[in-house]
């Protein structure tokens, strides 16, 4: 990865993180990140493993590193985890 690609990736990660933080704040704090439940192309932000840095880029359903916001207390009932997988 060259410097330009690294800068672009860092900028996209920053935008995505800001969007995710804003979305959580706007949700009134009644949402939580749930790993392993996002469908392909329907994740809310970058993957926990760093494979991409934006929403909508999940390649497979229910990938452990992909997450989306869900109502608090429902993540584990859906088969997900509230903590990211170990790298």
PDB file of N, CA and C in Angstrom:
ATOM      1  N   UNK A   1       0.858  -1.174   0.000  1.00  0.00           N
ATOM      2  CA  UNK A   1       0.000   0.000   0.000  1.00  0.00           C
ATOM      3  C   UNK A   1       0.903   1.234   0.000  1.00  0.00           C
ATOM      4  N   UNK A   2       0.658   2.137  -0.926  1.00  0.00           N
ATOM      5  CA  UNK A   2       1.483   3.339  -0.965  1.00  0.00           C
ATOM      6  C   UNK A   2       0.902   4.409  -0.029  1.00  0.00           C
ATOM      7  N   UNK A   3       1.617   5.510   0.106  1.00  0.00           N
ATOM      8  CA  UNK A   3       1.211   6.563   1.043  1.00  0.00           C
ATOM      9  C   UNK A   3      -0.153   7.150   0.687  1.00  0.00           C
ATOM     10  N   UNK A   4      -0.411   7.313  -0.597  1.00  0.00           N
ATOM     11  CA  UNK A   4      -1.686   7.896  -1.025  1.00  0.00           C
ATOM     12  C   UNK A   4      -2.850   6.989  -0.633  1.00  0.00           C
ATOM     13  N   UNK A   5      -2.698   5.689  -0.871  1.00  0.00           N
ATOM     14  CA  UNK A   5      -3.750   4.747  -0.498  1.00  0.00           C
ATOM     15  C   UNK A   5      -3.960   4.744   1.014  1.00  0.00           C
ATOM     16  N   UNK A   6      -2.872   4.819   1.773  1.00  0.00           N
ATOM     17  CA  UNK A   6      -2.964   4.836   3.230  1.00  0.00           C
ATOM     18  C   UNK A   6      -3.705   6.082   3.710  1.00  0.00           C
ATOM     19  N   UNK A   7      -3.409   7.225   3.107  1.00  0.00           N
ATOM     20  CA  UNK A   7      -4.090   8.465   3.489  1.00  0.00           C
ATOM     21  C   UNK A   7      -5.583   8.411   3.159  1.00  0.00           C
ATOM     22  N   UNK A   8      -5.902   7.861   2.000  1.00  0.00           N
ATOM     23  CA  UNK A   8      -7.308   7.736   1.608  1.00  0.00           C
ATOM     24  C   UNK A   8      -8.031   6.797   2.564  1.00  0.00           C
ATOM     25  N   UNK A   9      -7.407   5.672   2.888  1.00  0.00           N
ATOM     26  CA  UNK A   9      -8.019   4.715   3.812  1.00  0.00           C
ATOM     27  C   UNK A   9      -8.231   5.344   5.186  1.00  0.00           C
ATOM     28  N   UNK A  10      -7.251   6.108   5.658  1.00  0.00           N
ATOM     29  CA  UNK A  10      -7.369   6.765   6.958  1.00  0.00           C
ATOM     30  C   UNK A  10      -8.490   7.806   6.945  1.00  0.00           C
ATOM     31  N   UNK A  11      -8.592   8.559   5.863  1.00  0.00           N
ATOM     32  CA  UNK A  11      -9.645   9.567   5.759  1.00  0.00           C
ATOM     33  C   UNK A  11     -11.024   8.905   5.744  1.00  0.00           C
ATOM     34  N   UNK A  12     -11.162   7.841   4.982  1.00  0.00           N
ATOM     35  CA  UNK A  12     -12.447   7.134   4.936  1.00  0.00           C
ATOM     36  C   UNK A  12     -12.799   6.532   6.290  1.00  0.00           C
ATOM     37  N   UNK A  13     -11.818   6.004   6.984  1.00  0.00           N
ATOM     38  CA  UNK A  13     -12.066   5.438   8.307  1.00  0.00           C
ATOM     39  C   UNK A  13     -12.547   6.527   9.265  1.00  0.00           C
ATOM     40  N   UNK A  14     -11.944   7.696   9.170  1.00  0.00           N
ATOM     41  CA  UNK A  14     -12.355   8.809  10.029  1.00  0.00           C
ATOM     42  C   UNK A  14     -13.779   9.248   9.753  1.00  0.00           C
ATOM     43  N   UNK A  15     -14.139   9.342   8.493  1.00  0.00           N
ATOM     44  CA  UNK A  15     -15.505   9.726   8.120  1.00  0.00           C
ATOM     45  C   UNK A  15     -16.492   8.675   8.601  1.00  0.00           C
ATOM     46  N   UNK A  16     -16.137   7.422   8.412  1.00  0.00           N
ATOM     47  CA  UNK A  16     -17.018   6.326   8.817  1.00  0.00           C
ATOM     48  C   UNK A  16     -17.197   6.318  10.338  1.00  0.00           C
ATOM     49  N   UNK A  17     -16.114   6.501  11.070  1.00  0.00           N
ATOM     50  CA  UNK A  17     -16.192   6.518  12.527  1.00  0.00           C
ATOM     51  C   UNK A  17     -17.053   7.680  13.011  1.00  0.00           C
ATOM     52  N   UNK A  18     -16.895   8.836  12.385  1.00  0.00           N
ATOM     53  CA  UNK A  18     -17.706   9.993  12.769  1.00  0.00           C
ATOM     54  C   UNK A  18     -19.184   9.740  12.482  1.00  0.00           C
ATOM     55  N   UNK A  19     -19.465   9.107  11.358  1.00  0.00           N
ATOM     56  CA  UNK A  19     -20.846   8.786  11.001  1.00  0.00           C
ATOM     57  C   UNK A  19     -21.443   7.801  11.990  1.00  0.00           C
ATOM     58  N   UNK A  20     -20.678   6.785  12.354  1.00  0.00           N
ATOM     59  CA  UNK A  20     -21.161   5.775  13.296  1.00  0.00           C
ATOM     60  C   UNK A  20     -21.411   6.391  14.671  1.00  0.00           C
ATOM     61  N   UNK A  21     -20.515   7.272  15.101  1.00  0.00           N
ATOM     62  CA  UNK A  21     -20.680   7.934  16.383  1.00  0.00           C
ATOM     63  C   UNK A  21     -21.920   8.821  16.367  1.00  0.00           C
ATOM     64  N   UNK A  22     -22.117   9.550  15.299  1.00  0.00           N
ATOM     65  CA  UNK A  22     -23.287  10.408  15.165  1.00  0.00           C
ATOM     66  C   UNK A  22     -24.565   9.581  15.142  1.00  0.00           C
ATOM     67  N   UNK A  23     -24.547   8.476  14.426  1.00  0.00           N
ATOM     68  CA  UNK A  23     -25.725   7.613  14.356  1.00  0.00           C
ATOM     69  C   UNK A  23     -26.074   7.069  15.734  1.00  0.00           C
ATOM     70  N   UNK A  24     -25.068   6.672  16.494  1.00  0.00           N
ATOM     71  CA  UNK A  24     -25.317   6.149  17.839  1.00  0.00           C
ATOM     72  C   UNK A  24     -25.858   7.247  18.753  1.00  0.00           C
ATOM     73  N   UNK A  25     -25.302   8.452  18.622  1.00  0.00           N
ATOM     74  CA  UNK A  25     -25.769   9.563  19.442  1.00  0.00           C
ATOM     75  C   UNK A  25     -27.213   9.920  19.097  1.00  0.00           C
ATOM     76  N   UNK A  26     -27.532   9.918  17.808  1.00  0.00           N
ATOM     77  CA  UNK A  26     -28.886  10.233  17.375  1.00  0.00           C
ATOM     78  C   UNK A  26     -29.885   9.156  17.775  1.00  0.00           C
ATOM     79  N   UNK A  27     -29.394   7.953  18.005  1.00  0.00           N
ATOM     80  CA  UNK A  27     -30.272   6.856  18.404  1.00  0.00           C
ATOM     81  C   UNK A  27     -30.651   6.966  19.878  1.00  0.00           C
ATOM     82  N   UNK A  28     -30.111   7.958  20.561  1.00  0.00           N
ATOM     83  CA  UNK A  28     -30.449   8.159  21.964  1.00  0.00           C
ATOM     84  C   UNK A  28     -29.776   7.159  22.885  1.00  0.00           C
ATOM     85  N   UNK A  29     -28.738   6.504  22.415  1.00  0.00           N
ATOM     86  CA  UNK A  29     -28.013   5.569  23.255  1.00  0.00           C
ATOM     87  C   UNK A  29     -28.730   4.242  23.445  1.00  0.00           C
ATOM     88  N   UNK A  30     -29.774   3.998  22.691  1.00  0.00           N
ATOM     89  CA  UNK A  30     -30.502   2.740  22.839  1.00  0.00           C
ATOM     90  C   UNK A  30     -30.057   1.709  21.815  1.00  0.00           C
ATOM     91  N   UNK A  31     -28.893   1.923  21.216  1.00  0.00           N
ATOM     92  CA  UNK A  31     -28.343   1.004  20.219  1.00  0.00           C
ATOM     93  C   UNK A  31     -26.965   0.542  20.679  1.00  0.00           C
ATOM     94  N   UNK A  32     -26.538  -0.608  20.153  1.00  0.00           N
ATOM     95  CA  UNK A  32     -25.195  -1.106  20.419  1.00  0.00           C
ATOM     96  C   UNK A  32     -24.648  -1.766  19.165  1.00  0.00           C
ATOM     97  N   UNK A  33     -23.310  -1.809  19.062  1.00  0.00           N
ATOM     98  CA  UNK A  33     -22.680  -2.494  17.940  1.00  0.00           C
ATOM     99  C   UNK A  33     -22.858  -3.984  18.146  1.00  0.00           C
ATOM    100  N   UNK A  34     -23.237  -4.658  17.076  1.00  0.00           N
ATOM    101  CA  UNK A  34     -23.410  -6.102  17.141  1.00  0.00           C
ATOM    102  C   UNK A  34     -22.595  -6.723  16.013  1.00  0.00           C
ATOM    103  N   UNK A  35     -21.590  -7.504  16.375  1.00  0.00           N
ATOM    104  CA  UNK A  35     -20.689  -8.142  15.416  1.00  0.00           C
ATOM    105  C   UNK A  35     -21.241  -9.496  14.992  1.00  0.00           C
ATOM    106  N   UNK A  36     -21.144  -9.775  13.702  1.00  0.00           N
ATOM    107  CA  UNK A  36     -21.516 -11.081  13.195  1.00  0.00           C
ATOM    108  C   UNK A  36     -22.951 -11.214  12.735  1.00  0.00           C
ATOM    109  N   UNK A  37     -23.684 -10.106  12.629  1.00  0.00           N
ATOM    110  CA  UNK A  37     -25.087 -10.188  12.192  1.00  0.00           C
ATOM    111  C   UNK A  37     -25.371  -9.412  10.908  1.00  0.00           C
ATOM    112  N   UNK A  38     -24.399  -8.657  10.433  1.00  0.00           N
ATOM    113  CA  UNK A  38     -24.616  -7.844   9.225  1.00  0.00           C
ATOM    114  C   UNK A  38     -24.688  -8.728   7.987  1.00  0.00           C
ATOM    115  N   UNK A  39     -25.606  -8.409   7.127  1.00  0.00           N
ATOM    116  CA  UNK A  39     -25.718  -9.104   5.840  1.00  0.00           C
ATOM    117  C   UNK A  39     -24.735  -8.477   4.858  1.00  0.00           C
ATOM    118  N   UNK A  40     -24.400  -9.193   3.808  1.00  0.00           N
ATOM    119  CA  UNK A  40     -23.475  -8.686   2.790  1.00  0.00           C
ATOM    120  C   UNK A  40     -23.974  -7.342   2.262  1.00  0.00           C
ATOM    121  N   UNK A  41     -23.097  -6.356   2.290  1.00  0.00           N
ATOM    122  CA  UNK A  41     -23.436  -5.026   1.798  1.00  0.00           C
ATOM    123  C   UNK A  41     -24.285  -4.198   2.740  1.00  0.00           C
ATOM    124  N   UNK A  42     -24.541  -4.691   3.950  1.00  0.00           N
ATOM    125  CA  UNK A  42     -25.421  -3.973   4.873  1.00  0.00           C
ATOM    126  C   UNK A  42     -24.774  -3.695   6.231  1.00  0.00           C
ATOM    127  N   UNK A  43     -23.442  -3.687   6.300  1.00  0.00           N
ATOM    128  CA  UNK A  43     -22.769  -3.354   7.551  1.00  0.00           C
ATOM    129  C   UNK A  43     -22.842  -1.850   7.783  1.00  0.00           C
ATOM    130  N   UNK A  44     -22.696  -1.435   9.050  1.00  0.00           N
ATOM    131  CA  UNK A  44     -22.825  -0.013   9.374  1.00  0.00           C
ATOM    132  C   UNK A  44     -21.535   0.785   9.281  1.00  0.00           C
ATOM    133  N   UNK A  45     -20.378   0.151   9.335  1.00  0.00           N
ATOM    134  CA  UNK A  45     -19.124   0.889   9.198  1.00  0.00           C
ATOM    135  C   UNK A  45     -18.002  -0.088   8.914  1.00  0.00           C
ATOM    136  N   UNK A  46     -16.761   0.339   9.105  1.00  0.00           N
ATOM    137  CA  UNK A  46     -15.606  -0.473   8.784  1.00  0.00           C
ATOM    138  C   UNK A  46     -15.541  -1.772   9.560  1.00  0.00           C
ATOM    139  N   UNK A  47     -14.871  -2.750   8.992  1.00  0.00           N
ATOM    140  CA  UNK A  47     -14.717  -4.059   9.626  1.00  0.00           C
ATOM    141  C   UNK A  47     -13.735  -3.976  10.789  1.00  0.00           C
ATOM    142  N   UNK A  48     -13.982  -4.765  11.818  1.00  0.00           N
ATOM    143  CA  UNK A  48     -13.113  -4.790  12.988  1.00  0.00           C
ATOM    144  C   UNK A  48     -11.711  -5.290  12.651  1.00  0.00           C
ATOM    145  N   UNK A  49     -11.581  -6.089  11.604  1.00  0.00           N
ATOM    146  CA  UNK A  49     -10.274  -6.627  11.228  1.00  0.00           C
ATOM    147  C   UNK A  49      -9.509  -5.704  10.281  1.00  0.00           C
ATOM    148  N   UNK A  50     -10.083  -4.567   9.931  1.00  0.00           N
ATOM    149  CA  UNK A  50      -9.415  -3.591   9.080  1.00  0.00           C
ATOM    150  C   UNK A  50      -9.446  -3.909   7.590  1.00  0.00           C
ATOM    151  N   UNK A  51     -10.248  -4.869   7.181  1.00  0.00           N
ATOM    152  CA  UNK A  51     -10.278  -5.239   5.767  1.00  0.00           C
ATOM    153  C   UNK A  51     -10.924  -4.172   4.894  1.00  0.00           C
ATOM    154  N   UNK A  52     -11.738  -3.314   5.478  1.00  0.00           N
ATOM    155  CA  UNK A  52     -12.292  -2.146   4.783  1.00  0.00           C
ATOM    156  C   UNK A  52     -12.707  -1.125   5.822  1.00  0.00           C
ATOM    157  N   UNK A  53     -13.000   0.094   5.380  1.00  0.00           N
ATOM    158  CA  UNK A  53     -13.255   1.162   6.349  1.00  0.00           C
ATOM    159  C   UNK A  53     -14.587   1.881   6.158  1.00  0.00           C
ATOM    160  N   UNK A  54     -15.501   1.300   5.419  1.00  0.00           N
ATOM    161  CA  UNK A  54     -16.771   1.998   5.194  1.00  0.00           C
ATOM    162  C   UNK A  54     -17.973   1.066   5.283  1.00  0.00           C
ATOM    163  N   UNK A  55     -19.127   1.688   5.436  1.00  0.00           N
ATOM    164  CA  UNK A  55     -20.366   0.911   5.489  1.00  0.00           C
ATOM    165  C   UNK A  55     -20.700   0.353   4.112  1.00  0.00           C
ATOM    166  N   UNK A  56     -21.473  -0.711   4.108  1.00  0.00           N
ATOM    167  CA  UNK A  56     -21.933  -1.299   2.863  1.00  0.00           C
ATOM    168  C   UNK A  56     -20.887  -2.105   2.117  1.00  0.00           C
ATOM    169  N   UNK A  57     -19.771  -2.425   2.757  1.00  0.00           N
ATOM    170  CA  UNK A  57     -18.713  -3.156   2.062  1.00  0.00           C
ATOM    171  C   UNK A  57     -18.536  -4.589   2.546  1.00  0.00           C
ATOM    172  N   UNK A  58     -19.423  -5.072   3.406  1.00  0.00           N
ATOM    173  CA  UNK A  58     -19.330  -6.464   3.852  1.00  0.00           C
ATOM    174  C   UNK A  58     -19.523  -7.370   2.640  1.00  0.00           C
ATOM    175  N   UNK A  59     -18.661  -8.353   2.510  1.00  0.00           N
ATOM    176  CA  UNK A  59     -18.713  -9.232   1.338  1.00  0.00           C
ATOM    177  C   UNK A  59     -19.562 -10.484   1.571  1.00  0.00           C
ATOM    178  N   UNK A  60     -19.736 -10.891   2.834  1.00  0.00           N
ATOM    179  CA  UNK A  60     -20.516 -12.092   3.134  1.00  0.00           C
ATOM    180  C   UNK A  60     -21.480 -11.823   4.289  1.00  0.00           C
ATOM    181  N   UNK A  61     -22.519 -12.610   4.361  1.00  0.00           N
ATOM    182  CA  UNK A  61     -23.463 -12.500   5.473  1.00  0.00           C
ATOM    183  C   UNK A  61     -22.807 -12.990   6.764  1.00  0.00           C
ATOM    184  N   UNK A  62     -23.111 -12.315   7.854  1.00  0.00           N
ATOM    185  CA  UNK A  62     -22.735 -12.724   9.212  1.00  0.00           C
ATOM    186  C   UNK A  62     -21.231 -12.910   9.433  1.00  0.00           C
ATOM    187  N   UNK A  63     -20.405 -12.142   8.740  1.00  0.00           N
ATOM    188  CA  UNK A  63     -18.957 -12.209   8.956  1.00  0.00           C
ATOM    189  C   UNK A  63     -18.653 -11.693  10.367  1.00  0.00           C
ATOM    190  N   UNK A  64     -17.806 -12.388  11.121  1.00  0.00           N
ATOM    191  CA  UNK A  64     -17.543 -12.013  12.516  1.00  0.00           C
ATOM    192  C   UNK A  64     -16.991 -10.601  12.705  1.00  0.00           C
ATOM    193  N   UNK A  65     -16.261 -10.055  11.737  1.00  0.00           N
ATOM    194  CA  UNK A  65     -15.661  -8.724  11.875  1.00  0.00           C
ATOM    195  C   UNK A  65     -16.601  -7.604  11.444  1.00  0.00           C
ATOM    196  N   UNK A  66     -17.723  -7.933  10.827  1.00  0.00           N
ATOM    197  CA  UNK A  66     -18.687  -6.922  10.375  1.00  0.00           C
ATOM    198  C   UNK A  66     -19.714  -6.663  11.468  1.00  0.00           C
ATOM    199  N   UNK A  67     -20.181  -5.413  11.542  1.00  0.00           N
ATOM    200  CA  UNK A  67     -21.148  -5.087  12.586  1.00  0.00           C
ATOM    201  C   UNK A  67     -22.213  -4.146  12.065  1.00  0.00           C
ATOM    202  N   UNK A  68     -23.284  -4.073  12.834  1.00  0.00           N
ATOM    203  CA  UNK A  68     -24.316  -3.062  12.605  1.00  0.00           C
ATOM    204  C   UNK A  68     -24.923  -2.698  13.945  1.00  0.00           C
ATOM    205  N   UNK A  69     -25.544  -1.529  14.003  1.00  0.00           N
ATOM    206  CA  UNK A  69     -26.215  -1.105  15.219  1.00  0.00           C
ATOM    207  C   UNK A  69     -27.536  -1.857  15.352  1.00  0.00           C
ATOM    208  N   UNK A  70     -27.789  -2.351  16.557  1.00  0.00           N
ATOM    209  CA  UNK A  70     -29.052  -3.024  16.862  1.00  0.00           C
ATOM    210  C   UNK A  70     -29.562  -2.475  18.193  1.00  0.00           C
ATOM    211  N   UNK A  71     -30.809  -2.728  18.493  1.00  0.00           N
ATOM    212  CA  UNK A  71     -31.372  -2.286  19.770  1.00  0.00           C
ATOM    213  C   UNK A  71     -30.614  -2.962  20.916  1.00  0.00           C
ATOM    214  N   UNK A  72     -30.327  -2.189  21.970  1.00  0.00           N
ATOM    215  CA  UNK A  72     -29.606  -2.737  23.111  1.00  0.00           C
ATOM    216  C   UNK A  72     -30.312  -3.970  23.642  1.00  0.00           C
ATOM    217  N   UNK A  73     -29.520  -4.981  23.962  1.00  0.00           N
ATOM    218  CA  UNK A  73     -30.058  -6.205  24.540  1.00  0.00           C
ATOM    219  C   UNK A  73     -30.521  -7.236  23.528  1.00  0.00           C
ATOM    220  N   UNK A  74     -30.434  -6.919  22.223  1.00  0.00           N
ATOM    221  CA  UNK A  74     -30.918  -7.870  21.223  1.00  0.00           C
ATOM    222  C   UNK A  74     -29.805  -8.569  20.461  1.00  0.00           C
ATOM    223  N   UNK A  75     -28.580  -8.114  20.603  1.00  0.00           N
ATOM    224  CA  UNK A  75     -27.476  -8.643  19.803  1.00  0.00           C
ATOM    225  C   UNK A  75     -27.291 -10.147  19.999  1.00  0.00           C
ATOM    226  N   UNK A  76     -27.140 -10.585  21.230  1.00  0.00           N
ATOM    227  CA  UNK A  76     -26.881 -12.000  21.478  1.00  0.00           C
ATOM    228  C   UNK A  76     -28.075 -12.867  21.110  1.00  0.00           C
ATOM    229  N   UNK A  77     -29.272 -12.319  21.220  1.00  0.00           N
ATOM    230  CA  UNK A  77     -30.467 -13.070  20.802  1.00  0.00           C
ATOM    231  C   UNK A  77     -30.459 -13.309  19.300  1.00  0.00           C
ATOM    232  N   UNK A  78     -29.817 -12.397  18.560  1.00  0.00           N
ATOM    233  CA  UNK A  78     -29.722 -12.514  17.103  1.00  0.00           C
ATOM    234  C   UNK A  78     -28.562 -13.412  16.686  1.00  0.00           C
ATOM    235  N   UNK A  79     -27.761 -13.871  17.647  1.00  0.00           N
ATOM    236  CA  UNK A  79     -26.614 -14.715  17.335  1.00  0.00           C
ATOM    237  C   UNK A  79     -25.314 -13.955  17.181  1.00  0.00           C
ATOM    238  N   UNK A  80     -25.307 -12.665  17.551  1.00  0.00           N
ATOM    239  CA  UNK A  80     -24.107 -11.844  17.421  1.00  0.00           C
ATOM    240  C   UNK A  80     -23.369 -11.677  18.731  1.00  0.00           C
ATOM    241  N   UNK A  81     -22.337 -10.863  18.686  1.00  0.00           N
ATOM    242  CA  UNK A  81     -21.525 -10.566  19.866  1.00  0.00           C
ATOM    243  C   UNK A  81     -21.341  -9.059  19.970  1.00  0.00           C
ATOM    244  N   UNK A  82     -21.276  -8.551  21.196  1.00  0.00           N
ATOM    245  CA  UNK A  82     -21.121  -7.119  21.400  1.00  0.00           C
ATOM    246  C   UNK A  82     -19.652  -6.698  21.431  1.00  0.00           C
ATOM    247  N   UNK A  83     -18.738  -7.653  21.400  1.00  0.00           N
ATOM    248  CA  UNK A  83     -17.306  -7.349  21.371  1.00  0.00           C
ATOM    249  C   UNK A  83     -16.732  -7.819  20.052  1.00  0.00           C
ATOM    250  N   UNK A  84     -15.782  -7.055  19.494  1.00  0.00           N
ATOM    251  CA  UNK A  84     -15.186  -7.463  18.226  1.00  0.00           C
ATOM    252  C   UNK A  84     -14.374  -8.751  18.385  1.00  0.00           C
ATOM    253  N   UNK A  85     -14.225  -9.499  17.314  1.00  0.00           N
ATOM    254  CA  UNK A  85     -13.422 -10.717  17.390  1.00  0.00           C
ATOM    255  C   UNK A  85     -11.938 -10.377  17.600  1.00  0.00           C
ATOM    256  N   UNK A  86     -11.207 -11.295  18.187  1.00  0.00           N
ATOM    257  CA  UNK A  86      -9.766 -11.100  18.377  1.00  0.00           C
ATOM    258  C   UNK A  86      -9.088 -11.052  17.020  1.00  0.00           C
ATOM    259  N   UNK A  87      -8.081 -10.215  16.904  1.00  0.00           N
ATOM    260  CA  UNK A  87      -7.394 -10.053  15.609  1.00  0.00           C
ATOM    261  C   UNK A  87      -6.433 -11.177  15.363  1.00  0.00           C
TER     262      UNK A  87
END
